[in-house]
Amino acid sequence: MKAATANSFSMANLNGIRFTGDRSLRYTEDEIDSMFDTYEIGSYTFMLLSLLYPNLKYSQKGFHQDHMHPHTGFEESKIKGLVLPDGTVIDDATKEDWRRRRNTLANLQLLEGRENEVKNATPLVNWLKVLENSENAKYLPVDVSYELSNFEEFIEKRQQLMSKALKDILL
């Protein structure tokens, strides 16, 4: 069992609780992995992000769920004719899939409200050029292009990093 610190959360403290119907708060690895495709931006993703960002001072500042690749970056006018890493032009099915996945956990992070408003629609690749942003961003996969054209690989590798962290917390 992991040692508890002032800023840590241990699921072990809650695993013994039983609810009606013999339900518990225990998660399986498959359940954690399914969270990335099941939940879209909202209270549940905020709760999961708060587990992944335990050192934020939630009582002192307001935090927003920020789209790493900005929500507006997926508008038709911005992705029409986008060339993917394999050299093909993005098709309509991929556009729709990306528009759905832009709101899922692997494309979200917690940013202080003012910081999120400043970031606004800045493409991820440009936002990360600011040293402070790149140093503070969590769960960034390495050796991946942060250009929107590489959204698929970015989201898959970031999901792996976040999933591992959630499993360390919840299992």
N, C-alpha and C. Protein backbone atom coordinates (compact mmCIF):
# COMPACT_ATOMS: atom_id res chain seq x y z
N MET A 1 0.84 -1.17 0.00
CA MET A 1 0.00 0.00 0.00
C MET A 1 0.89 1.24 0.00
N LYS A 2 0.48 2.28 -0.73
CA LYS A 2 1.24 3.51 -0.84
C LYS A 2 1.11 4.33 0.43
N ALA A 3 2.19 5.00 0.79
CA ALA A 3 2.16 5.89 1.95
C ALA A 3 1.38 7.15 1.60
N ALA A 4 0.55 7.60 2.50
CA ALA A 4 -0.25 8.80 2.27
C ALA A 4 0.57 10.03 2.61
N THR A 5 0.44 11.05 1.79
CA THR A 5 1.07 12.34 2.06
C THR A 5 -0.04 13.37 2.15
N ALA A 6 0.33 14.57 2.53
CA ALA A 6 -0.66 15.63 2.72
C ALA A 6 -1.44 15.92 1.45
N ASN A 7 -0.83 15.74 0.29
CA ASN A 7 -1.50 16.07 -0.98
C ASN A 7 -1.87 14.84 -1.78
N SER A 8 -1.90 13.67 -1.17
CA SER A 8 -2.20 12.47 -1.94
C SER A 8 -3.58 11.93 -1.59
N PHE A 9 -4.05 11.13 -2.49
CA PHE A 9 -5.34 10.49 -2.32
C PHE A 9 -5.10 9.00 -2.46
N SER A 10 -5.64 8.21 -1.59
CA SER A 10 -5.48 6.77 -1.69
C SER A 10 -6.86 6.13 -1.78
N MET A 11 -7.07 5.46 -2.87
CA MET A 11 -8.33 4.76 -3.08
C MET A 11 -8.48 3.62 -2.07
N ALA A 12 -7.37 3.15 -1.52
CA ALA A 12 -7.43 2.05 -0.55
C ALA A 12 -8.30 2.43 0.64
N ASN A 13 -8.36 3.72 0.97
CA ASN A 13 -9.19 4.15 2.09
C ASN A 13 -10.68 3.94 1.81
N LEU A 14 -11.06 3.86 0.57
CA LEU A 14 -12.47 3.75 0.21
C LEU A 14 -12.87 2.38 -0.33
N ASN A 15 -11.90 1.53 -0.61
CA ASN A 15 -12.20 0.25 -1.24
C ASN A 15 -13.07 -0.68 -0.39
N GLY A 16 -13.06 -0.52 0.90
CA GLY A 16 -13.85 -1.38 1.76
C GLY A 16 -15.30 -0.97 1.88
N ILE A 17 -15.65 0.19 1.40
CA ILE A 17 -17.03 0.67 1.50
C ILE A 17 -17.91 -0.12 0.55
N ARG A 18 -19.05 -0.57 1.06
CA ARG A 18 -20.01 -1.32 0.24
C ARG A 18 -21.31 -0.54 0.18
N PHE A 19 -21.91 -0.52 -0.99
CA PHE A 19 -23.18 0.15 -1.20
C PHE A 19 -24.25 -0.90 -1.44
N THR A 20 -25.50 -0.47 -1.55
CA THR A 20 -26.58 -1.42 -1.82
C THR A 20 -26.28 -2.19 -3.10
N GLY A 21 -26.75 -3.39 -3.14
CA GLY A 21 -26.50 -4.25 -4.30
C GLY A 21 -25.07 -4.73 -4.36
N ASP A 22 -24.36 -4.67 -3.24
CA ASP A 22 -22.96 -5.10 -3.13
C ASP A 22 -22.05 -4.34 -4.09
N ARG A 23 -22.42 -3.10 -4.43
CA ARG A 23 -21.57 -2.26 -5.27
C ARG A 23 -20.47 -1.65 -4.42
N SER A 24 -19.36 -1.31 -5.07
CA SER A 24 -18.23 -0.71 -4.36
C SER A 24 -17.64 0.39 -5.24
N LEU A 25 -16.60 1.01 -4.75
CA LEU A 25 -15.90 2.05 -5.50
C LEU A 25 -14.69 1.49 -6.25
N ARG A 26 -14.55 0.20 -6.25
CA ARG A 26 -13.42 -0.43 -6.95
C ARG A 26 -13.58 -0.30 -8.47
N TYR A 27 -12.45 -0.06 -9.13
CA TYR A 27 -12.41 0.02 -10.59
C TYR A 27 -11.55 -1.10 -11.13
N THR A 28 -11.84 -1.51 -12.34
CA THR A 28 -10.97 -2.45 -13.04
C THR A 28 -10.17 -1.66 -14.07
N GLU A 29 -9.11 -2.26 -14.59
CA GLU A 29 -8.32 -1.60 -15.62
C GLU A 29 -9.18 -1.28 -16.84
N ASP A 30 -10.05 -2.20 -17.23
CA ASP A 30 -10.93 -1.98 -18.38
C ASP A 30 -11.88 -0.81 -18.15
N GLU A 31 -12.40 -0.70 -16.93
CA GLU A 31 -13.29 0.42 -16.62
C GLU A 31 -12.56 1.75 -16.72
N ILE A 32 -11.33 1.78 -16.24
CA ILE A 32 -10.55 3.01 -16.33
C ILE A 32 -10.26 3.35 -17.78
N ASP A 33 -9.87 2.37 -18.58
CA ASP A 33 -9.61 2.63 -20.00
C ASP A 33 -10.86 3.11 -20.72
N SER A 34 -12.02 2.59 -20.35
CA SER A 34 -13.25 2.99 -21.03
C SER A 34 -13.67 4.42 -20.69
N MET A 35 -13.17 4.97 -19.58
CA MET A 35 -13.50 6.35 -19.22
C MET A 35 -13.05 7.34 -20.28
N PHE A 36 -12.01 7.01 -21.01
CA PHE A 36 -11.46 7.93 -22.00
C PHE A 36 -12.35 8.08 -23.22
N ASP A 37 -13.18 7.12 -23.48
CA ASP A 37 -14.07 7.21 -24.63
C ASP A 37 -15.52 7.41 -24.22
N THR A 38 -15.81 7.25 -22.95
CA THR A 38 -17.18 7.32 -22.45
C THR A 38 -17.57 8.73 -22.04
N TYR A 39 -16.68 9.40 -21.33
CA TYR A 39 -17.04 10.67 -20.72
C TYR A 39 -16.51 11.85 -21.52
N GLU A 40 -17.39 12.82 -21.73
CA GLU A 40 -17.01 14.06 -22.40
C GLU A 40 -17.01 15.18 -21.39
N ILE A 41 -16.41 16.28 -21.74
CA ILE A 41 -16.22 17.42 -20.86
C ILE A 41 -17.45 17.67 -20.00
N GLY A 42 -17.24 17.74 -18.70
CA GLY A 42 -18.32 17.93 -17.74
C GLY A 42 -17.83 17.61 -16.34
N SER A 43 -18.76 17.38 -15.44
CA SER A 43 -18.40 17.19 -14.04
C SER A 43 -17.58 15.91 -13.82
N TYR A 44 -17.87 14.85 -14.57
CA TYR A 44 -17.14 13.61 -14.36
C TYR A 44 -15.70 13.74 -14.84
N THR A 45 -15.49 14.38 -16.01
CA THR A 45 -14.12 14.57 -16.47
C THR A 45 -13.37 15.52 -15.54
N PHE A 46 -14.06 16.52 -14.98
CA PHE A 46 -13.41 17.41 -14.03
C PHE A 46 -12.93 16.62 -12.81
N MET A 47 -13.76 15.71 -12.32
CA MET A 47 -13.38 14.89 -11.17
C MET A 47 -12.15 14.05 -11.51
N LEU A 48 -12.13 13.43 -12.68
CA LEU A 48 -10.97 12.61 -13.06
C LEU A 48 -9.73 13.47 -13.23
N LEU A 49 -9.88 14.64 -13.86
CA LEU A 49 -8.74 15.55 -14.01
C LEU A 49 -8.22 16.02 -12.65
N SER A 50 -9.12 16.22 -11.69
CA SER A 50 -8.67 16.65 -10.37
C SER A 50 -7.83 15.57 -9.70
N LEU A 51 -8.08 14.31 -10.01
CA LEU A 51 -7.22 13.24 -9.50
C LEU A 51 -5.85 13.28 -10.17
N LEU A 52 -5.83 13.67 -11.44
CA LEU A 52 -4.58 13.72 -12.20
C LEU A 52 -3.76 14.99 -11.95
N TYR A 53 -4.41 16.00 -11.39
CA TYR A 53 -3.75 17.27 -11.07
C TYR A 53 -3.93 17.55 -9.57
N PRO A 54 -3.35 16.72 -8.71
CA PRO A 54 -3.62 16.82 -7.27
C PRO A 54 -3.02 18.04 -6.58
N ASN A 55 -2.06 18.70 -7.18
CA ASN A 55 -1.37 19.80 -6.50
C ASN A 55 -1.99 21.16 -6.75
N LEU A 56 -3.07 21.22 -7.51
CA LEU A 56 -3.72 22.51 -7.76
C LEU A 56 -4.48 22.95 -6.52
N LYS A 57 -4.54 24.21 -6.32
CA LYS A 57 -5.23 24.77 -5.14
C LYS A 57 -6.67 25.12 -5.53
N TYR A 58 -7.52 24.11 -5.52
CA TYR A 58 -8.89 24.25 -5.99
C TYR A 58 -9.71 25.24 -5.17
N SER A 59 -9.39 25.40 -3.91
CA SER A 59 -10.16 26.31 -3.07
C SER A 59 -9.74 27.77 -3.26
N GLN A 60 -8.60 27.99 -3.91
CA GLN A 60 -8.09 29.35 -4.06
C GLN A 60 -8.30 29.94 -5.46
N LYS A 61 -8.45 29.10 -6.44
CA LYS A 61 -8.60 29.57 -7.83
C LYS A 61 -9.64 28.73 -8.53
N GLY A 62 -10.21 29.32 -9.57
CA GLY A 62 -11.14 28.57 -10.40
C GLY A 62 -10.40 27.94 -11.57
N PHE A 63 -10.62 26.68 -11.78
CA PHE A 63 -9.96 25.98 -12.86
C PHE A 63 -10.96 25.59 -13.94
N HIS A 64 -10.51 25.67 -15.18
CA HIS A 64 -11.33 25.31 -16.33
C HIS A 64 -10.81 24.02 -16.92
N GLN A 65 -11.71 23.30 -17.55
CA GLN A 65 -11.31 22.16 -18.35
C GLN A 65 -10.95 22.73 -19.72
N ASP A 66 -9.67 22.73 -20.02
CA ASP A 66 -9.16 23.31 -21.25
C ASP A 66 -8.93 22.21 -22.28
N HIS A 67 -9.27 22.52 -23.52
CA HIS A 67 -8.97 21.62 -24.63
C HIS A 67 -7.51 21.84 -25.01
N MET A 68 -6.69 20.82 -24.93
CA MET A 68 -5.28 20.97 -25.32
C MET A 68 -5.21 21.39 -26.78
N HIS A 69 -5.83 20.60 -27.65
CA HIS A 69 -6.05 21.05 -29.02
C HIS A 69 -7.38 21.79 -28.96
N PRO A 70 -7.36 23.11 -29.21
CA PRO A 70 -8.55 23.94 -28.99
C PRO A 70 -9.80 23.44 -29.71
N HIS A 71 -10.91 23.58 -29.02
CA HIS A 71 -12.21 23.19 -29.55
C HIS A 71 -12.44 23.78 -30.94
N THR A 72 -12.12 25.06 -31.10
CA THR A 72 -12.37 25.74 -32.38
C THR A 72 -11.46 25.25 -33.49
N GLY A 73 -10.37 24.59 -33.15
CA GLY A 73 -9.45 24.08 -34.17
C GLY A 73 -10.04 22.98 -35.04
N PHE A 74 -11.18 22.45 -34.63
CA PHE A 74 -11.81 21.35 -35.36
C PHE A 74 -12.94 21.83 -36.26
N GLU A 75 -13.14 23.14 -36.34
CA GLU A 75 -14.17 23.69 -37.23
C GLU A 75 -13.81 23.38 -38.67
N GLU A 76 -14.82 23.23 -39.49
CA GLU A 76 -14.62 22.84 -40.88
C GLU A 76 -13.63 23.77 -41.59
N SER A 77 -13.77 25.06 -41.36
CA SER A 77 -12.89 26.01 -42.05
C SER A 77 -11.42 25.82 -41.68
N LYS A 78 -11.16 25.22 -40.52
CA LYS A 78 -9.78 25.04 -40.07
C LYS A 78 -9.20 23.68 -40.41
N ILE A 79 -10.05 22.68 -40.61
CA ILE A 79 -9.49 21.35 -40.91
C ILE A 79 -9.78 20.87 -42.32
N LYS A 80 -10.54 21.63 -43.07
CA LYS A 80 -10.80 21.24 -44.46
C LYS A 80 -9.47 21.19 -45.21
N GLY A 81 -9.20 20.06 -45.83
CA GLY A 81 -7.97 19.89 -46.60
C GLY A 81 -6.74 19.60 -45.76
N LEU A 82 -6.91 19.38 -44.44
CA LEU A 82 -5.78 19.08 -43.56
C LEU A 82 -5.09 17.80 -44.03
N VAL A 83 -3.77 17.87 -44.18
CA VAL A 83 -3.00 16.70 -44.61
C VAL A 83 -2.51 15.96 -43.37
N LEU A 84 -2.84 14.68 -43.31
CA LEU A 84 -2.48 13.82 -42.19
C LEU A 84 -1.04 13.33 -42.33
N PRO A 85 -0.46 12.80 -41.27
CA PRO A 85 0.94 12.35 -41.33
C PRO A 85 1.22 11.32 -42.42
N ASP A 86 0.21 10.55 -42.80
CA ASP A 86 0.42 9.55 -43.86
C ASP A 86 0.32 10.15 -45.26
N GLY A 87 0.10 11.47 -45.35
CA GLY A 87 0.05 12.15 -46.64
C GLY A 87 -1.34 12.26 -47.24
N THR A 88 -2.34 11.64 -46.61
CA THR A 88 -3.70 11.72 -47.12
C THR A 88 -4.39 12.95 -46.56
N VAL A 89 -5.43 13.38 -47.25
CA VAL A 89 -6.23 14.51 -46.78
C VAL A 89 -7.30 13.96 -45.84
N ILE A 90 -7.55 14.67 -44.77
CA ILE A 90 -8.54 14.24 -43.78
C ILE A 90 -9.90 14.04 -44.44
N ASP A 91 -10.56 12.93 -44.12
CA ASP A 91 -11.87 12.65 -44.69
C ASP A 91 -12.97 13.02 -43.70
N ASP A 92 -14.21 12.99 -44.16
CA ASP A 92 -15.34 13.41 -43.32
C ASP A 92 -15.51 12.54 -42.08
N ALA A 93 -15.29 11.24 -42.20
CA ALA A 93 -15.44 10.35 -41.05
C ALA A 93 -14.40 10.68 -39.97
N THR A 94 -13.18 10.95 -40.39
CA THR A 94 -12.13 11.31 -39.43
C THR A 94 -12.44 12.64 -38.77
N LYS A 95 -12.94 13.60 -39.54
CA LYS A 95 -13.32 14.90 -38.97
C LYS A 95 -14.36 14.73 -37.88
N GLU A 96 -15.36 13.93 -38.14
CA GLU A 96 -16.43 13.72 -37.15
C GLU A 96 -15.90 13.01 -35.91
N ASP A 97 -15.05 12.01 -36.12
CA ASP A 97 -14.47 11.30 -34.99
C ASP A 97 -13.63 12.25 -34.15
N TRP A 98 -12.82 13.08 -34.76
CA TRP A 98 -11.99 14.03 -34.04
C TRP A 98 -12.85 15.05 -33.30
N ARG A 99 -13.94 15.48 -33.92
CA ARG A 99 -14.82 16.46 -33.26
C ARG A 99 -15.42 15.88 -31.99
N ARG A 100 -15.72 14.59 -32.02
CA ARG A 100 -16.24 13.95 -30.81
C ARG A 100 -15.12 13.80 -29.78
N ARG A 101 -13.96 13.36 -30.22
CA ARG A 101 -12.86 13.07 -29.30
C ARG A 101 -12.19 14.32 -28.74
N ARG A 102 -12.42 15.48 -29.36
CA ARG A 102 -11.83 16.72 -28.83
C ARG A 102 -12.35 17.03 -27.43
N ASN A 103 -13.53 16.50 -27.09
CA ASN A 103 -14.17 16.77 -25.80
C ASN A 103 -13.95 15.65 -24.78
N THR A 104 -13.12 14.68 -25.11
CA THR A 104 -12.89 13.57 -24.19
C THR A 104 -11.65 13.82 -23.33
N LEU A 105 -11.52 13.04 -22.31
CA LEU A 105 -10.52 13.22 -21.26
C LEU A 105 -9.10 13.40 -21.79
N ALA A 106 -8.70 12.65 -22.80
CA ALA A 106 -7.31 12.71 -23.28
C ALA A 106 -6.97 14.03 -23.95
N ASN A 107 -7.95 14.84 -24.32
CA ASN A 107 -7.67 16.15 -24.90
C ASN A 107 -7.94 17.28 -23.90
N LEU A 108 -8.16 16.94 -22.66
CA LEU A 108 -8.48 17.96 -21.65
C LEU A 108 -7.37 18.08 -20.62
N GLN A 109 -7.23 19.29 -20.09
CA GLN A 109 -6.33 19.55 -18.98
C GLN A 109 -6.99 20.59 -18.09
N LEU A 110 -6.50 20.73 -16.88
CA LEU A 110 -7.01 21.78 -16.01
C LEU A 110 -6.07 22.97 -16.07
N LEU A 111 -6.66 24.14 -16.37
CA LEU A 111 -5.91 25.40 -16.37
C LEU A 111 -6.66 26.39 -15.51
N GLU A 112 -5.92 27.24 -14.82
CA GLU A 112 -6.52 28.33 -14.08
C GLU A 112 -7.34 29.16 -15.07
N GLY A 113 -8.49 29.64 -14.63
CA GLY A 113 -9.44 30.31 -15.51
C GLY A 113 -8.85 31.41 -16.37
N ARG A 114 -8.08 32.33 -15.77
CA ARG A 114 -7.48 33.42 -16.56
C ARG A 114 -6.51 32.89 -17.59
N GLU A 115 -5.73 31.90 -17.21
CA GLU A 115 -4.76 31.30 -18.12
C GLU A 115 -5.48 30.67 -19.31
N ASN A 116 -6.60 30.00 -19.04
CA ASN A 116 -7.37 29.38 -20.11
C ASN A 116 -7.94 30.45 -21.05
N GLU A 117 -8.39 31.55 -20.49
CA GLU A 117 -8.94 32.62 -21.32
C GLU A 117 -7.86 33.24 -22.20
N VAL A 118 -6.64 33.33 -21.70
CA VAL A 118 -5.53 33.84 -22.50
C VAL A 118 -5.18 32.85 -23.60
N LYS A 119 -5.16 31.57 -23.26
CA LYS A 119 -4.84 30.53 -24.25
C LYS A 119 -5.88 30.52 -25.35
N ASN A 120 -7.14 30.58 -24.97
CA ASN A 120 -8.27 30.63 -25.88
C ASN A 120 -8.11 29.63 -27.02
N ALA A 121 -8.01 30.07 -28.24
CA ALA A 121 -7.98 29.19 -29.41
C ALA A 121 -6.56 28.97 -29.94
N THR A 122 -5.56 29.22 -29.11
CA THR A 122 -4.18 29.05 -29.55
C THR A 122 -3.92 27.57 -29.84
N PRO A 123 -3.43 27.27 -31.03
CA PRO A 123 -3.11 25.87 -31.33
C PRO A 123 -2.10 25.31 -30.32
N LEU A 124 -2.23 24.06 -29.98
CA LEU A 124 -1.38 23.43 -28.98
C LEU A 124 0.10 23.61 -29.32
N VAL A 125 0.47 23.40 -30.55
CA VAL A 125 1.88 23.50 -30.94
C VAL A 125 2.43 24.89 -30.64
N ASN A 126 1.62 25.93 -30.82
CA ASN A 126 2.07 27.30 -30.53
C ASN A 126 2.07 27.58 -29.04
N TRP A 127 1.07 27.09 -28.33
CA TRP A 127 0.97 27.31 -26.89
C TRP A 127 2.16 26.69 -26.16
N LEU A 128 2.60 25.52 -26.63
CA LEU A 128 3.72 24.83 -25.99
C LEU A 128 5.06 25.49 -26.27
N LYS A 129 5.12 26.40 -27.22
CA LYS A 129 6.38 27.12 -27.50
C LYS A 129 6.74 28.07 -26.36
N VAL A 130 5.77 28.43 -25.54
CA VAL A 130 6.04 29.25 -24.36
C VAL A 130 6.58 28.32 -23.28
N LEU A 131 7.80 28.60 -22.83
CA LEU A 131 8.50 27.71 -21.91
C LEU A 131 7.67 27.36 -20.68
N GLU A 132 7.04 28.34 -20.06
CA GLU A 132 6.24 28.09 -18.86
C GLU A 132 5.10 27.11 -19.14
N ASN A 133 4.47 27.24 -20.29
CA ASN A 133 3.38 26.33 -20.65
C ASN A 133 3.89 24.90 -20.83
N SER A 134 4.98 24.74 -21.56
CA SER A 134 5.50 23.40 -21.82
C SER A 134 6.01 22.75 -20.54
N GLU A 135 6.55 23.56 -19.62
CA GLU A 135 7.03 23.00 -18.35
C GLU A 135 5.89 22.58 -17.43
N ASN A 136 4.76 23.27 -17.52
CA ASN A 136 3.64 22.99 -16.62
C ASN A 136 2.62 22.01 -17.19
N ALA A 137 2.66 21.75 -18.48
CA ALA A 137 1.70 20.81 -19.08
C ALA A 137 2.01 19.40 -18.57
N LYS A 138 0.96 18.69 -18.25
CA LYS A 138 1.13 17.33 -17.73
C LYS A 138 0.66 16.31 -18.77
N TYR A 139 1.26 15.14 -18.67
CA TYR A 139 0.88 13.99 -19.50
C TYR A 139 1.08 14.30 -20.98
N LEU A 140 2.17 14.97 -21.31
CA LEU A 140 2.50 15.24 -22.70
C LEU A 140 3.35 14.10 -23.23
N PRO A 141 2.88 13.43 -24.26
CA PRO A 141 3.71 12.37 -24.82
C PRO A 141 4.95 12.98 -25.50
N VAL A 142 6.04 12.27 -25.42
CA VAL A 142 7.27 12.74 -26.07
C VAL A 142 7.38 12.13 -27.46
N ASP A 143 8.20 12.72 -28.27
CA ASP A 143 8.43 12.25 -29.64
C ASP A 143 7.14 12.18 -30.45
N VAL A 144 6.24 13.14 -30.20
CA VAL A 144 4.99 13.24 -30.94
C VAL A 144 4.86 14.67 -31.41
N SER A 145 4.43 14.85 -32.63
CA SER A 145 4.16 16.19 -33.11
C SER A 145 2.89 16.71 -32.44
N TYR A 146 2.92 17.98 -32.03
CA TYR A 146 1.75 18.58 -31.39
C TYR A 146 0.90 19.35 -32.39
N GLU A 147 1.19 19.18 -33.67
CA GLU A 147 0.35 19.77 -34.73
C GLU A 147 -0.99 19.05 -34.73
N LEU A 148 -2.04 19.78 -35.10
CA LEU A 148 -3.37 19.18 -35.14
C LEU A 148 -3.42 18.00 -36.10
N SER A 149 -2.65 18.04 -37.17
CA SER A 149 -2.66 16.94 -38.13
C SER A 149 -2.25 15.62 -37.49
N ASN A 150 -1.60 15.68 -36.34
CA ASN A 150 -1.16 14.48 -35.63
C ASN A 150 -2.04 14.19 -34.41
N PHE A 151 -3.25 14.70 -34.43
CA PHE A 151 -4.18 14.56 -33.30
C PHE A 151 -4.35 13.10 -32.88
N GLU A 152 -4.48 12.20 -33.83
CA GLU A 152 -4.74 10.78 -33.53
C GLU A 152 -3.63 10.19 -32.66
N GLU A 153 -2.38 10.35 -33.07
CA GLU A 153 -1.27 9.79 -32.29
C GLU A 153 -1.13 10.50 -30.95
N PHE A 154 -1.29 11.83 -30.94
CA PHE A 154 -1.21 12.59 -29.70
C PHE A 154 -2.22 12.09 -28.69
N ILE A 155 -3.47 11.93 -29.11
CA ILE A 155 -4.55 11.56 -28.20
C ILE A 155 -4.35 10.13 -27.69
N GLU A 156 -3.88 9.23 -28.55
CA GLU A 156 -3.66 7.85 -28.14
C GLU A 156 -2.53 7.76 -27.11
N LYS A 157 -1.43 8.46 -27.35
CA LYS A 157 -0.29 8.38 -26.44
C LYS A 157 -0.57 9.13 -25.14
N ARG A 158 -1.30 10.24 -25.21
CA ARG A 158 -1.64 10.96 -23.99
C ARG A 158 -2.62 10.12 -23.15
N GLN A 159 -3.53 9.43 -23.81
CA GLN A 159 -4.46 8.56 -23.09
C GLN A 159 -3.70 7.47 -22.35
N GLN A 160 -2.68 6.92 -22.96
CA GLN A 160 -1.89 5.88 -22.29
C GLN A 160 -1.24 6.43 -21.02
N LEU A 161 -0.68 7.63 -21.11
CA LEU A 161 -0.03 8.25 -19.94
C LEU A 161 -1.05 8.53 -18.83
N MET A 162 -2.19 9.08 -19.21
CA MET A 162 -3.22 9.42 -18.23
C MET A 162 -3.85 8.16 -17.64
N SER A 163 -4.05 7.16 -18.46
CA SER A 163 -4.64 5.90 -17.99
C SER A 163 -3.73 5.24 -16.96
N LYS A 164 -2.43 5.23 -17.23
CA LYS A 164 -1.48 4.66 -16.27
C LYS A 164 -1.55 5.41 -14.95
N ALA A 165 -1.60 6.74 -15.01
CA ALA A 165 -1.66 7.54 -13.78
C ALA A 165 -2.95 7.27 -13.01
N LEU A 166 -4.07 7.18 -13.71
CA LEU A 166 -5.35 6.88 -13.04
C LEU A 166 -5.34 5.49 -12.41
N LYS A 167 -4.72 4.55 -13.10
CA LYS A 167 -4.64 3.19 -12.55
C LYS A 167 -3.78 3.17 -11.29
N ASP A 168 -2.71 3.97 -11.30
CA ASP A 168 -1.88 4.06 -10.09
C ASP A 168 -2.68 4.64 -8.91
N ILE A 169 -3.60 5.52 -9.21
CA ILE A 169 -4.42 6.17 -8.16
C ILE A 169 -5.58 5.28 -7.73
N LEU A 170 -6.28 4.70 -8.69
CA LEU A 170 -7.55 4.03 -8.40
C LEU A 170 -7.46 2.53 -8.14
N LEU A 171 -6.39 1.91 -8.55
CA LEU A 171 -6.30 0.45 -8.35
C LEU A 171 -5.51 0.10 -7.10
